N, C-alpha and C. Protein backbone atom coordinates (compact mmCIF):
# COMPACT_ATOMS: atom_id res chain seq x y z
N MET A 1 20.50 25.92 -4.38
CA MET A 1 19.00 26.41 -4.28
C MET A 1 18.07 25.71 -3.88
N ILE A 2 17.92 25.52 -2.50
CA ILE A 2 16.44 24.69 -2.08
C ILE A 2 15.08 24.57 -1.90
N GLU A 3 14.18 23.95 -2.77
CA GLU A 3 12.73 25.10 -3.53
C GLU A 3 12.39 24.09 -1.84
N LYS A 4 10.85 25.49 -1.26
CA LYS A 4 9.89 25.16 -0.64
C LYS A 4 9.28 24.40 -1.24
N GLN A 5 8.32 23.54 -0.40
CA GLN A 5 7.61 22.51 -1.40
C GLN A 5 5.90 23.41 -0.86
N PRO A 6 5.46 22.54 -1.78
CA PRO A 6 4.41 23.54 -0.67
C PRO A 6 3.21 22.25 0.04
N SER A 7 3.12 22.65 1.17
CA SER A 7 1.75 22.02 1.79
C SER A 7 1.13 20.94 1.81
N VAL A 8 0.96 18.59 1.74
CA VAL A 8 0.70 18.26 1.27
C VAL A 8 -1.11 18.59 2.40
N GLY A 9 -0.98 18.30 3.18
CA GLY A 9 -1.92 19.28 3.94
C GLY A 9 -3.44 20.36 3.72
N SER A 10 -2.11 21.25 3.55
CA SER A 10 -2.97 22.29 2.91
C SER A 10 -3.73 22.44 1.08
N VAL A 11 -2.93 22.03 0.44
CA VAL A 11 -3.69 22.12 -0.79
C VAL A 11 -5.35 20.38 -0.69
N ALA A 12 -4.50 19.58 0.41
CA ALA A 12 -5.65 18.52 -0.13
C ALA A 12 -6.71 18.23 0.85
N LEU A 13 -6.65 19.94 1.78
CA LEU A 13 -7.64 20.39 2.45
C LEU A 13 -8.30 20.97 1.97
N LYS A 14 -7.74 22.43 1.28
CA LYS A 14 -8.75 23.05 0.99
C LYS A 14 -9.65 22.31 -0.38
N TRP A 15 -8.67 21.48 -1.45
CA TRP A 15 -9.91 20.55 -2.43
C TRP A 15 -10.63 19.75 -1.34
N GLY A 16 -10.28 19.43 -0.53
CA GLY A 16 -11.14 18.10 0.29
C GLY A 16 -12.75 19.23 -0.03
N PHE A 17 -12.28 20.13 0.57
CA PHE A 17 -13.34 21.05 1.54
C PHE A 17 -14.67 21.41 0.05
N ILE A 18 -13.75 22.30 -1.05
CA ILE A 18 -14.25 22.29 -1.77
C ILE A 18 -15.69 21.30 -2.20
N PHE A 19 -14.66 20.13 -2.90
CA PHE A 19 -15.13 18.56 -3.36
C PHE A 19 -16.62 18.40 -2.44
N ALA A 20 -16.36 18.42 -1.16
CA ALA A 20 -17.21 18.65 -0.10
C ALA A 20 -18.03 19.02 -0.02
N LEU A 21 -18.25 20.03 -0.48
CA LEU A 21 -20.03 21.11 -0.73
C LEU A 21 -20.35 20.48 -1.37
N ILE A 22 -19.73 20.89 -3.40
CA ILE A 22 -20.31 19.90 -4.40
C ILE A 22 -21.00 18.04 -3.66
N GLY A 23 -20.25 17.79 -3.45
CA GLY A 23 -21.46 16.08 -2.79
C GLY A 23 -21.74 16.28 -1.96
N VAL A 24 -21.96 16.83 -1.01
CA VAL A 24 -23.31 17.67 0.34
C VAL A 24 -24.14 18.28 -0.29
N ILE A 25 -24.11 18.60 -2.17
CA ILE A 25 -25.15 19.48 -2.37
C ILE A 25 -26.15 17.91 -2.65
N PHE A 26 -25.05 17.73 -3.34
CA PHE A 26 -25.40 16.53 -4.43
C PHE A 26 -26.64 15.49 -3.81
N THR A 27 -25.92 15.22 -3.09
CA THR A 27 -25.60 14.06 -1.72
C THR A 27 -27.53 14.95 -1.09
N LEU A 28 -28.09 15.64 -0.61
CA LEU A 28 -29.23 16.63 -0.54
C LEU A 28 -29.75 17.19 -1.50
N VAL A 29 -30.15 17.67 -2.76
CA VAL A 29 -30.65 17.63 -3.50
C VAL A 29 -31.50 15.19 -4.04
N LEU A 30 -30.28 14.81 -4.18
CA LEU A 30 -30.76 13.28 -3.97
C LEU A 30 -31.58 12.75 -2.29
N MET A 31 -31.84 13.14 -1.89
CA MET A 31 -32.28 12.84 -0.39
C MET A 31 -33.90 13.20 -0.28
N VAL A 32 -34.15 14.89 -0.56
CA VAL A 32 -34.55 16.39 -0.89
C VAL A 32 -36.17 15.56 -2.26
N THR A 33 -35.30 15.12 -2.67
CA THR A 33 -35.60 14.40 -4.47
C THR A 33 -36.22 12.55 -3.92
N GLY A 34 -36.36 12.67 -2.94
CA GLY A 34 -35.93 11.00 -3.36
C GLY A 34 -35.56 9.71 -4.63
N LEU A 35 -34.17 10.59 -4.28
CA LEU A 35 -33.52 10.02 -5.46
C LEU A 35 -32.23 8.99 -4.86
N ALA A 36 -32.19 9.10 -3.44
CA ALA A 36 -30.66 8.79 -2.39
C ALA A 36 -31.28 6.71 -2.39
N GLU A 37 -31.89 7.14 -2.51
CA GLU A 37 -32.10 5.06 -2.07
C GLU A 37 -31.74 4.32 -3.50
N ASN A 38 -31.62 4.73 -4.55
CA ASN A 38 -31.15 4.43 -6.12
C ASN A 38 -29.20 4.23 -5.54
N ARG A 39 -29.38 3.64 -5.95
CA ARG A 39 -28.36 3.33 -5.07
C ARG A 39 -26.71 3.80 -6.66
N TRP A 40 -27.51 3.32 -7.66
CA TRP A 40 -27.05 3.45 -8.62
C TRP A 40 -26.67 5.05 -8.89
N ILE A 41 -27.97 6.38 -8.94
CA ILE A 41 -27.62 7.59 -8.09
C ILE A 41 -26.99 8.24 -7.78
N SER A 42 -26.72 8.09 -6.33
CA SER A 42 -26.21 7.93 -4.75
C SER A 42 -25.16 7.50 -4.76
N SER A 43 -24.25 6.28 -5.87
CA SER A 43 -22.99 6.64 -6.74
C SER A 43 -22.33 7.44 -6.70
N LEU A 44 -22.86 8.08 -6.90
CA LEU A 44 -22.15 9.20 -8.52
C LEU A 44 -21.84 9.99 -7.96
N ALA A 45 -21.89 10.39 -5.83
CA ALA A 45 -20.63 11.25 -5.18
C ALA A 45 -20.09 10.18 -5.47
N TYR A 46 -19.32 9.03 -5.83
CA TYR A 46 -17.97 8.82 -6.14
C TYR A 46 -17.58 9.61 -7.12
N LEU A 47 -17.81 10.09 -7.52
CA LEU A 47 -17.67 10.33 -8.97
C LEU A 47 -17.35 11.61 -9.16
N ILE A 48 -17.57 12.61 -7.44
CA ILE A 48 -17.53 13.93 -6.79
C ILE A 48 -16.61 13.89 -6.05
N LEU A 49 -15.96 12.68 -5.97
CA LEU A 49 -14.80 12.59 -4.67
C LEU A 49 -13.38 11.96 -5.37
N ILE A 50 -13.93 10.96 -6.77
CA ILE A 50 -12.65 11.70 -7.53
C ILE A 50 -12.28 12.86 -8.08
N GLY A 51 -13.34 13.09 -8.55
CA GLY A 51 -12.80 15.63 -8.95
C GLY A 51 -12.00 15.57 -7.91
N GLY A 52 -12.28 15.28 -6.33
CA GLY A 52 -11.94 15.88 -5.18
C GLY A 52 -10.18 15.95 -5.45
N ILE A 53 -9.58 13.85 -5.78
CA ILE A 53 -8.77 13.95 -5.45
C ILE A 53 -7.57 14.17 -6.50
N VAL A 54 -8.50 13.55 -7.63
CA VAL A 54 -7.93 14.69 -8.88
C VAL A 54 -6.87 15.19 -9.19
N MET A 55 -8.46 16.70 -8.78
CA MET A 55 -8.12 18.08 -8.62
C MET A 55 -6.77 18.42 -7.63
N ALA A 56 -6.72 17.69 -6.88
CA ALA A 56 -6.04 18.16 -5.47
C ALA A 56 -4.09 17.19 -5.96
N MET A 57 -4.36 16.20 -6.48
CA MET A 57 -3.15 15.99 -7.37
C MET A 57 -3.08 17.19 -7.95
N LYS A 58 -3.24 17.47 -9.15
CA LYS A 58 -2.69 17.82 -10.33
C LYS A 58 -2.36 19.81 -9.74
N ASN A 59 -3.13 19.55 -9.04
CA ASN A 59 -3.26 21.16 -8.07
C ASN A 59 -1.62 20.79 -7.34
N TYR A 60 -2.09 20.49 -7.13
CA TYR A 60 0.16 20.11 -5.53
C TYR A 60 0.87 19.20 -6.95
N LYS A 61 0.96 18.51 -7.76
CA LYS A 61 1.64 19.05 -8.18
C LYS A 61 2.10 20.43 -9.48
N GLU A 62 1.00 20.78 -9.74
CA GLU A 62 0.80 22.66 -10.51
C GLU A 62 1.46 23.48 -9.18
N GLU A 63 1.64 23.45 -8.10
CA GLU A 63 2.81 23.95 -7.09
C GLU A 63 4.07 23.48 -6.50
N ASN A 64 4.43 23.07 -7.53
CA ASN A 64 5.22 21.62 -7.05
C ASN A 64 6.46 21.38 -7.85
N ASN A 65 6.40 22.48 -8.87
CA ASN A 65 6.65 22.47 -9.88
C ASN A 65 6.53 21.02 -11.08
N GLY A 66 5.48 20.07 -10.85
CA GLY A 66 5.08 19.66 -12.17
C GLY A 66 5.89 18.13 -11.19
N PHE A 67 5.86 17.76 -9.55
CA PHE A 67 6.54 16.58 -8.97
C PHE A 67 5.39 16.60 -8.26
N MET A 68 5.45 15.98 -7.68
CA MET A 68 4.90 15.03 -6.38
C MET A 68 4.84 13.59 -6.73
N SER A 69 5.64 12.15 -4.95
CA SER A 69 6.24 12.13 -5.23
C SER A 69 5.18 10.78 -5.37
N TYR A 70 4.58 9.31 -5.17
CA TYR A 70 3.71 7.97 -5.00
C TYR A 70 2.96 8.53 -3.17
N GLY A 71 3.28 8.94 -2.22
CA GLY A 71 3.04 8.67 -1.02
C GLY A 71 2.36 10.26 -1.32
N GLN A 72 3.28 11.50 -1.23
CA GLN A 72 2.59 12.54 -1.60
C GLN A 72 0.65 12.53 -2.14
N GLY A 73 1.50 12.07 -3.01
CA GLY A 73 -0.56 11.86 -3.75
C GLY A 73 -1.00 10.95 -2.83
N LEU A 74 -0.66 9.47 -1.85
CA LEU A 74 -2.30 9.36 -1.57
C LEU A 74 -1.19 9.78 -0.75
N GLY A 75 -1.25 10.51 -0.05
CA GLY A 75 -1.59 10.98 1.87
C GLY A 75 -2.53 12.84 1.04
N ILE A 76 -2.28 12.99 -0.02
CA ILE A 76 -3.53 13.82 -1.00
C ILE A 76 -4.56 13.25 -0.86
N GLY A 77 -4.88 12.00 -1.56
CA GLY A 77 -6.41 10.98 -1.97
C GLY A 77 -6.95 11.46 -0.56
N SER A 78 -5.93 10.51 0.34
CA SER A 78 -6.46 10.23 1.82
C SER A 78 -7.07 11.85 3.00
N ILE A 79 -6.22 12.66 2.49
CA ILE A 79 -6.43 13.54 3.16
C ILE A 79 -8.27 14.49 2.42
N VAL A 80 -8.22 14.41 1.90
CA VAL A 80 -8.93 14.45 0.57
C VAL A 80 -10.21 13.95 0.89
N SER A 81 -10.55 12.84 1.20
CA SER A 81 -11.86 11.03 1.88
C SER A 81 -12.03 11.73 2.18
N VAL A 82 -11.22 12.15 3.47
CA VAL A 82 -11.16 12.19 5.24
C VAL A 82 -12.34 13.41 5.65
N VAL A 83 -12.03 13.46 5.02
CA VAL A 83 -13.08 15.67 4.79
C VAL A 83 -14.21 15.36 4.47
N TYR A 84 -14.21 14.98 3.23
CA TYR A 84 -15.43 14.42 2.27
C TYR A 84 -15.95 13.75 2.97
N GLY A 85 -16.31 12.80 3.04
CA GLY A 85 -16.30 11.89 4.19
C GLY A 85 -17.22 12.56 5.51
N LEU A 86 -16.59 12.85 6.46
CA LEU A 86 -16.99 13.64 8.21
C LEU A 86 -17.52 14.82 6.79
N LEU A 87 -17.72 15.94 6.39
CA LEU A 87 -18.55 17.02 5.99
C LEU A 87 -20.48 16.37 5.19
N SER A 88 -20.15 14.35 4.10
CA SER A 88 -21.11 14.30 4.55
C SER A 88 -22.37 13.27 5.73
N GLY A 89 -20.97 12.76 6.13
CA GLY A 89 -21.26 12.18 7.64
C GLY A 89 -22.43 13.53 8.22
N ILE A 90 -21.50 15.04 8.63
CA ILE A 90 -22.27 15.77 9.20
C ILE A 90 -23.61 16.16 8.74
N SER A 91 -23.24 16.51 7.31
CA SER A 91 -24.66 16.94 6.59
C SER A 91 -25.91 16.13 7.01
N SER A 92 -25.92 14.81 6.14
CA SER A 92 -26.11 13.36 6.19
C SER A 92 -27.50 13.05 8.08
N TRP A 93 -26.82 13.54 9.05
CA TRP A 93 -27.10 13.68 9.69
C TRP A 93 -28.40 14.75 10.75
N LEU A 94 -27.73 16.49 10.37
CA LEU A 94 -28.12 17.10 10.41
C LEU A 94 -30.23 17.06 9.50
N TYR A 95 -30.00 17.09 8.23
CA TYR A 95 -30.91 16.81 7.61
C TYR A 95 -31.88 15.50 7.95
N MET A 96 -31.67 14.12 8.48
CA MET A 96 -32.21 13.29 8.79
C MET A 96 -32.43 13.74 10.16
N GLU A 97 -31.34 14.72 10.96
CA GLU A 97 -32.00 15.21 12.69
C GLU A 97 -32.81 16.32 12.30
N PHE A 98 -33.24 17.23 11.48
CA PHE A 98 -33.66 18.17 11.83
C PHE A 98 -34.73 18.90 10.51
N VAL A 99 -34.58 18.48 8.99
CA VAL A 99 -34.65 18.26 7.72
C VAL A 99 -36.63 17.48 8.20
N ASP A 100 -36.10 15.98 8.15
CA ASP A 100 -36.26 14.56 7.21
C ASP A 100 -36.41 13.93 8.59
N PRO A 101 -36.61 14.36 10.07
CA PRO A 101 -36.95 12.91 10.74
C PRO A 101 -37.42 12.05 10.04
N GLU A 102 -38.11 11.28 9.70
CA GLU A 102 -39.32 10.62 8.85
C GLU A 102 -38.69 9.60 7.64
N TYR A 103 -36.42 10.06 7.81
CA TYR A 103 -36.25 9.47 7.18
C TYR A 103 -35.89 8.00 7.04
N MET A 104 -34.76 8.05 7.99
CA MET A 104 -34.15 6.76 8.72
C MET A 104 -35.64 5.26 9.46
N THR A 105 -37.12 6.10 9.16
CA THR A 105 -37.78 5.38 9.33
C THR A 105 -37.55 4.66 7.92
N ARG A 106 -38.02 5.72 6.45
CA ARG A 106 -38.66 4.88 5.67
C ARG A 106 -37.58 4.13 4.94
N ILE A 107 -36.55 4.70 5.25
CA ILE A 107 -35.03 3.86 4.69
C ILE A 107 -35.22 2.23 5.03
N MET A 108 -35.61 2.35 6.15
CA MET A 108 -35.39 1.82 7.76
C MET A 108 -37.09 0.52 7.17
N GLU A 109 -38.32 1.04 5.99
CA GLU A 109 -39.00 0.04 6.28
C GLU A 109 -38.47 -1.34 4.94
N LYS A 110 -37.78 0.52 3.89
CA LYS A 110 -38.04 -0.22 2.86
C LYS A 110 -36.63 -1.31 2.55
N GLN A 111 -35.77 -1.76 4.32
CA GLN A 111 -35.16 -2.29 3.85
C GLN A 111 -36.65 -3.93 4.71
N ARG A 112 -37.02 -3.74 5.59
CA ARG A 112 -37.49 -4.64 6.34
C ARG A 112 -37.81 -5.26 5.04
N VAL A 113 -38.83 -4.22 3.41
CA VAL A 113 -39.26 -4.48 2.69
C VAL A 113 -38.49 -6.21 2.00
N GLN A 114 -37.23 -5.00 2.00
CA GLN A 114 -37.01 -6.16 0.93
C GLN A 114 -35.70 -7.64 1.44
N MET A 115 -35.68 -7.45 2.76
CA MET A 115 -35.34 -8.96 3.57
C MET A 115 -36.72 -9.71 3.85
N LEU A 116 -37.40 -9.05 3.26
CA LEU A 116 -39.53 -9.88 3.15
C LEU A 116 -38.77 -10.51 1.90
N GLN A 117 -38.76 -10.31 1.20
CA GLN A 117 -38.74 -10.20 0.07
C GLN A 117 -37.64 -11.18 -0.55
N ASP A 118 -36.63 -11.03 0.19
CA ASP A 118 -35.27 -11.91 -0.22
C ASP A 118 -35.21 -13.64 1.10
N GLY A 119 -36.58 -13.75 2.36
CA GLY A 119 -36.60 -15.21 2.17
C GLY A 119 -36.26 -14.61 3.19
N MET A 120 -36.15 -14.08 3.99
CA MET A 120 -35.77 -14.02 5.78
C MET A 120 -36.95 -14.37 6.91
N THR A 121 -36.51 -14.37 7.99
CA THR A 121 -38.13 -14.87 8.40
C THR A 121 -37.32 -13.11 9.78
N ASP A 122 -39.03 -14.10 10.03
CA ASP A 122 -39.30 -12.24 11.55
C ASP A 122 -37.80 -12.38 12.22
N GLU A 123 -37.51 -13.61 12.91
CA GLU A 123 -36.43 -12.89 13.73
C GLU A 123 -34.86 -12.65 13.04
N GLN A 124 -34.55 -12.84 11.83
CA GLN A 124 -33.73 -12.82 11.03
C GLN A 124 -33.85 -10.84 10.74
N ILE A 125 -35.24 -10.71 10.90
CA ILE A 125 -35.69 -9.43 10.23
C ILE A 125 -35.80 -8.26 11.32
N ASP A 126 -36.03 -9.05 12.62
CA ASP A 126 -35.98 -8.49 13.82
C ASP A 126 -34.57 -8.07 14.48
N ALA A 127 -33.40 -9.41 13.30
CA ALA A 127 -33.48 -9.32 14.42
C ALA A 127 -31.23 -7.95 13.62
N GLY A 128 -31.59 -8.34 12.00
CA GLY A 128 -31.29 -7.66 11.78
C GLY A 128 -31.93 -5.59 11.63
N MET A 129 -32.63 -5.48 12.01
CA MET A 129 -33.32 -4.12 12.68
C MET A 129 -32.91 -3.44 13.31
N ALA A 130 -32.61 -4.52 14.40
CA ALA A 130 -31.94 -3.52 15.30
C ALA A 130 -30.50 -3.35 15.70
N ILE A 131 -29.84 -4.55 14.90
CA ILE A 131 -28.70 -3.68 14.52
C ILE A 131 -28.08 -2.71 14.19
N ALA A 132 -29.38 -2.31 13.39
CA ALA A 132 -29.44 -1.00 12.03
C ALA A 132 -29.56 0.14 13.25
N GLU A 133 -30.25 -0.70 14.24
CA GLU A 133 -30.35 0.63 15.40
C GLU A 133 -30.38 1.40 15.61
N ASN A 134 -28.74 0.71 15.50
CA ASN A 134 -27.51 0.54 16.59
C ASN A 134 -27.19 1.97 16.75
N PHE A 135 -27.04 2.00 14.65
CA PHE A 135 -26.58 3.32 14.33
C PHE A 135 -26.83 4.58 13.23
N GLN A 136 -27.70 4.31 13.90
CA GLN A 136 -28.26 5.73 13.98
C GLN A 136 -27.64 6.98 14.28
N GLY A 137 -27.11 6.66 15.53
CA GLY A 137 -26.85 7.94 16.12
C GLY A 137 -26.14 8.81 14.99
N PRO A 138 -25.47 10.10 15.64
CA PRO A 138 -24.82 10.92 15.73
C PRO A 138 -23.38 10.74 15.30
N PHE A 139 -22.90 10.21 16.44
CA PHE A 139 -21.43 10.47 16.41
C PHE A 139 -21.10 8.79 15.53
N THR A 140 -22.30 7.70 15.08
CA THR A 140 -21.49 6.54 13.77
C THR A 140 -21.71 6.75 12.76
N VAL A 141 -23.30 7.71 12.78
CA VAL A 141 -23.27 8.32 11.51
C VAL A 141 -22.25 9.44 10.76
N ILE A 142 -21.31 9.96 11.62
CA ILE A 142 -20.78 10.89 11.67
C ILE A 142 -19.24 9.92 10.94
N LEU A 143 -18.34 9.02 12.16
CA LEU A 143 -17.58 8.29 12.47
C LEU A 143 -17.36 7.34 11.11
N GLY A 144 -18.92 6.86 10.64
CA GLY A 144 -19.22 5.60 9.45
C GLY A 144 -18.85 5.94 8.26
N SER A 145 -19.85 7.52 8.26
CA SER A 145 -19.42 7.94 6.55
C SER A 145 -18.16 8.54 6.91
N ALA A 146 -17.47 8.94 7.20
CA ALA A 146 -15.81 9.66 7.47
C ALA A 146 -15.39 8.49 6.72
N VAL A 147 -15.40 7.14 7.84
CA VAL A 147 -13.93 5.55 7.57
C VAL A 147 -15.10 5.55 6.71
N ILE A 148 -16.01 4.69 6.15
CA ILE A 148 -16.17 4.49 4.78
C ILE A 148 -15.38 4.55 3.54
N THR A 149 -15.77 6.51 4.36
CA THR A 149 -14.97 7.11 2.36
C THR A 149 -13.77 6.85 2.69
N LEU A 150 -12.62 7.09 3.64
CA LEU A 150 -11.56 7.35 3.71
C LEU A 150 -11.32 5.62 2.74
N ILE A 151 -11.85 4.62 3.56
CA ILE A 151 -11.02 3.75 2.79
C ILE A 151 -11.40 3.94 0.84
N PHE A 152 -12.60 4.17 1.10
CA PHE A 152 -13.26 4.35 -0.45
C PHE A 152 -11.94 4.28 -0.96
N GLY A 153 -11.74 6.41 -0.49
CA GLY A 153 -10.64 6.55 -1.23
C GLY A 153 -9.32 6.45 -0.79
N PHE A 154 -8.57 6.14 -0.16
CA PHE A 154 -7.44 5.38 -0.26
C PHE A 154 -7.35 4.56 -1.61
N ILE A 155 -8.71 3.71 -1.23
CA ILE A 155 -8.25 2.92 -2.47
C ILE A 155 -7.73 3.44 -3.71
N LEU A 156 -8.80 4.81 -3.99
CA LEU A 156 -8.84 5.66 -5.00
C LEU A 156 -7.15 5.39 -5.02
N SER A 157 -7.30 6.56 -4.16
CA SER A 157 -5.84 7.09 -4.27
C SER A 157 -4.83 6.33 -4.71
N LEU A 158 -5.02 4.88 -4.01
CA LEU A 158 -3.86 4.02 -4.28
C LEU A 158 -3.49 4.26 -5.83
N ILE A 159 -4.67 4.35 -6.83
CA ILE A 159 -4.19 3.80 -8.42
C ILE A 159 -4.54 5.54 -8.91
N ILE A 160 -5.06 6.54 -8.43
CA ILE A 160 -4.54 7.57 -8.64
C ILE A 160 -3.27 8.12 -8.62
N ALA A 161 -2.11 8.05 -7.27
CA ALA A 161 -1.64 8.29 -7.87
C ALA A 161 -1.21 7.56 -8.45
N ALA A 162 -0.57 6.02 -8.58
CA ALA A 162 0.27 6.01 -9.43
C ALA A 162 0.19 6.35 -10.85
N VAL A 163 -0.66 6.42 -11.42
CA VAL A 163 -0.90 7.36 -12.71
C VAL A 163 -0.15 8.94 -12.87
N MET A 164 -0.87 9.07 -11.23
CA MET A 164 0.07 10.40 -11.01
C MET A 164 1.02 11.13 -11.18
N LYS A 165 1.53 10.46 -9.88
CA LYS A 165 3.24 10.19 -9.72
C LYS A 165 3.71 11.14 -10.72
N ASN A 166 4.66 11.88 -10.68
CA ASN A 166 5.95 12.79 -11.27
C ASN A 166 6.86 12.16 -9.68
N SER A 167 8.23 11.47 -9.42
CA SER A 167 8.65 11.70 -8.33
C SER A 167 10.42 13.24 -9.95
N ARG A 168 10.82 13.80 -8.27
CA ARG A 168 11.48 14.26 -8.50
C ARG A 168 12.84 13.71 -8.92
N PRO A 169 13.65 13.71 -9.70
CA PRO A 169 15.38 12.82 -10.02
C PRO A 169 15.56 12.60 -8.69
N GLU A 170 15.96 12.07 -8.24
CA GLU A 170 17.28 11.03 -7.24
C GLU A 170 18.41 12.67 -7.99
N PHE A 171 19.29 12.66 -8.60
CA PHE A 171 20.36 13.81 -8.67
C PHE A 171 20.35 15.29 -9.79
N GLU A 172 19.04 16.20 -8.25
CA GLU A 172 18.72 17.43 -9.35
C GLU A 172 19.77 18.64 -8.77
């Protein structure tokens, strides 16, 4: 008798949305309180992503009689990551566009000050600022967030899937 395997996509989407909402709330709290500029605190959002990947893989294994191949784990982690990145990007763009339109101006000014402290010339700073301004539109914010989170999540998934995999025996 052949058992029906759960869908990698449905499990990953479910946990991706759940943990993306947690991540969005966390990020919005950081943005509102002004703590988003602190790299250490804002990087804690990646712990939320790791939690989402682990929970999705754990849930898949539970629904699949304790089995998950390395490839299935990698697929789950990648889908969770891209959902997390897309929702984070959308929420960040909405916040910067409608809630706090001056947010990016403040960030850019802090970058300018940091570049001055690093000893860059005015020409170098202006060139850097011009490039950064090109990446402030909704498309680049959302897509950039999704791609960066997918890359980071894929790397995490390589490790997490290797630890959590439990392949079904060949001759069962």
